Amino acid sequence: LAGFDAFGRLVRVERTGGDNASRCIIPPRCWRSLIGSGVVAVTMAHNHPSDDPRPSAADTRTTQETAHFLRTIDIDLADHLIFVADGHFSFRSAGLL
């Protein structure tokens, strides 16, 4: 998770690990750190070792839940990026945000 200020400057980076392929969990400590840093936008990013950049159901669900949560506290989910060896997938570019 990368948090940005109103000028688009990177303010904070929070790293978290996933627990399995069917579920993505972002611990409360990550959100507390980002929110406490005064961010106005967040970008999520992770990799897919499978080299398939398409989002899983868990990726899509986590993105939707995160966007909703951040909207309620007036923070924008700028994008969710999935990286693979030969490129990436952007939820924003795909019209999913």
Protein backbone atom coordinates (compact mmCIF):
# COMPACT_ATOMS: atom_id res chain seq x y z
CA LEU A 1 0.00 0.00 0.00
CA ALA A 2 1.37 3.39 -0.97
CA GLY A 3 -0.11 6.56 0.50
CA PHE A 4 0.11 9.95 -1.23
CA ASP A 5 -0.52 13.50 -0.08
CA ALA A 6 -2.63 16.15 -1.86
CA PHE A 7 0.35 17.01 -4.09
CA GLY A 8 0.83 13.42 -5.25
CA ARG A 9 3.95 12.93 -3.15
CA LEU A 10 4.59 9.53 -1.62
CA VAL A 11 4.07 9.86 2.13
CA ARG A 12 4.07 6.30 3.39
CA VAL A 13 4.45 2.69 2.23
CA GLU A 14 2.93 -0.20 4.14
CA ARG A 15 3.80 -3.78 3.25
CA THR A 16 1.62 -6.71 4.15
CA GLY A 17 1.58 -10.37 3.16
CA GLY A 18 -1.37 -12.37 1.89
CA ASP A 19 -2.55 -15.49 3.61
CA ASN A 20 -3.81 -17.56 0.68
CA ALA A 21 -5.16 -17.33 -2.86
CA SER A 22 -8.81 -17.02 -1.86
CA ARG A 23 -8.49 -14.19 0.63
CA CYS A 24 -6.61 -10.90 0.89
CA ILE A 25 -6.31 -9.30 4.31
CA ILE A 26 -4.94 -5.85 5.04
CA PRO A 27 -4.26 -5.60 8.76
CA PRO A 28 -5.65 -2.65 10.74
CA ARG A 29 -2.08 -1.55 11.64
CA CYS A 30 -1.49 -0.76 7.94
CA TRP A 31 -4.60 1.41 7.72
CA ARG A 32 -3.78 3.19 10.99
CA SER A 33 -0.29 4.05 9.71
CA LEU A 34 -1.58 5.37 6.39
CA ILE A 35 -4.49 7.32 7.81
CA GLY A 36 -2.31 8.74 10.56
CA SER A 37 0.11 10.03 7.91
CA GLY A 38 -2.49 12.35 6.38
CA VAL A 39 -2.77 10.58 3.02
CA VAL A 40 -5.48 11.57 0.55
CA ALA A 41 -4.91 8.75 -1.96
CA VAL A 42 -3.79 5.13 -1.77
CA THR A 43 -2.43 2.80 -4.44
CA MET A 44 -2.49 -0.93 -3.81
CA ALA A 45 -0.03 -3.22 -5.58
CA HIS A 46 1.03 -6.83 -5.52
CA ASN A 47 2.50 -9.46 -7.81
CA HIS A 48 1.15 -12.64 -9.33
CA PRO A 49 3.92 -15.28 -9.45
CA SER A 50 1.75 -17.20 -11.94
CA ASP A 51 2.56 -14.50 -14.55
CA ASP A 52 -1.18 -14.07 -15.21
CA PRO A 53 -1.97 -10.41 -14.48
CA ARG A 54 -5.75 -10.86 -14.45
CA PRO A 55 -7.28 -10.20 -11.05
CA SER A 56 -8.58 -13.11 -9.03
CA ALA A 57 -11.96 -13.02 -7.34
CA ALA A 58 -10.13 -12.22 -4.08
CA ASP A 59 -8.29 -9.32 -5.78
CA THR A 60 -11.56 -7.89 -7.08
CA ARG A 61 -13.36 -8.32 -3.76
CA THR A 62 -10.51 -6.74 -1.79
CA THR A 63 -10.34 -3.82 -4.22
CA GLN A 64 -14.07 -3.15 -3.97
CA GLU A 65 -14.07 -3.40 -0.17
CA THR A 66 -11.00 -1.17 0.09
CA ALA A 67 -12.42 1.48 -2.26
CA HIS A 68 -15.64 1.56 -0.21
CA PHE A 69 -13.77 1.78 3.10
CA LEU A 70 -11.49 4.58 1.88
CA ARG A 71 -14.41 6.56 0.41
CA THR A 72 -16.07 6.60 3.83
CA ILE A 73 -13.02 8.38 5.26
CA ASP A 74 -12.56 10.67 2.22
CA ILE A 75 -9.47 8.94 0.80
CA ASP A 76 -9.26 7.98 -2.87
CA LEU A 77 -8.18 4.52 -4.02
CA ALA A 78 -6.08 5.73 -6.94
CA ASP A 79 -5.40 2.26 -8.36
CA HIS A 80 -4.74 -1.38 -7.62
CA LEU A 81 -1.88 -2.75 -9.70
CA ILE A 82 -1.00 -6.39 -10.27
CA PHE A 83 2.54 -6.94 -11.52
CA VAL A 84 3.87 -9.87 -13.52
CA ALA A 85 7.21 -10.42 -15.27
CA ASP A 86 6.02 -8.97 -18.60
CA GLY A 87 3.71 -6.17 -17.48
CA HIS A 88 0.87 -5.31 -15.17
CA PHE A 89 -2.88 -5.00 -14.73
CA SER A 90 -4.46 -1.73 -13.57
CA PHE A 91 -7.92 -1.71 -12.04
CA ARG A 92 -8.17 1.99 -12.90
CA SER A 93 -7.23 1.49 -16.57
CA ALA A 94 -9.65 -1.45 -16.82
CA GLY A 95 -12.49 0.76 -15.55
CA LEU A 96 -12.90 -1.24 -12.38
CA LEU A 97 -12.43 1.73 -10.04
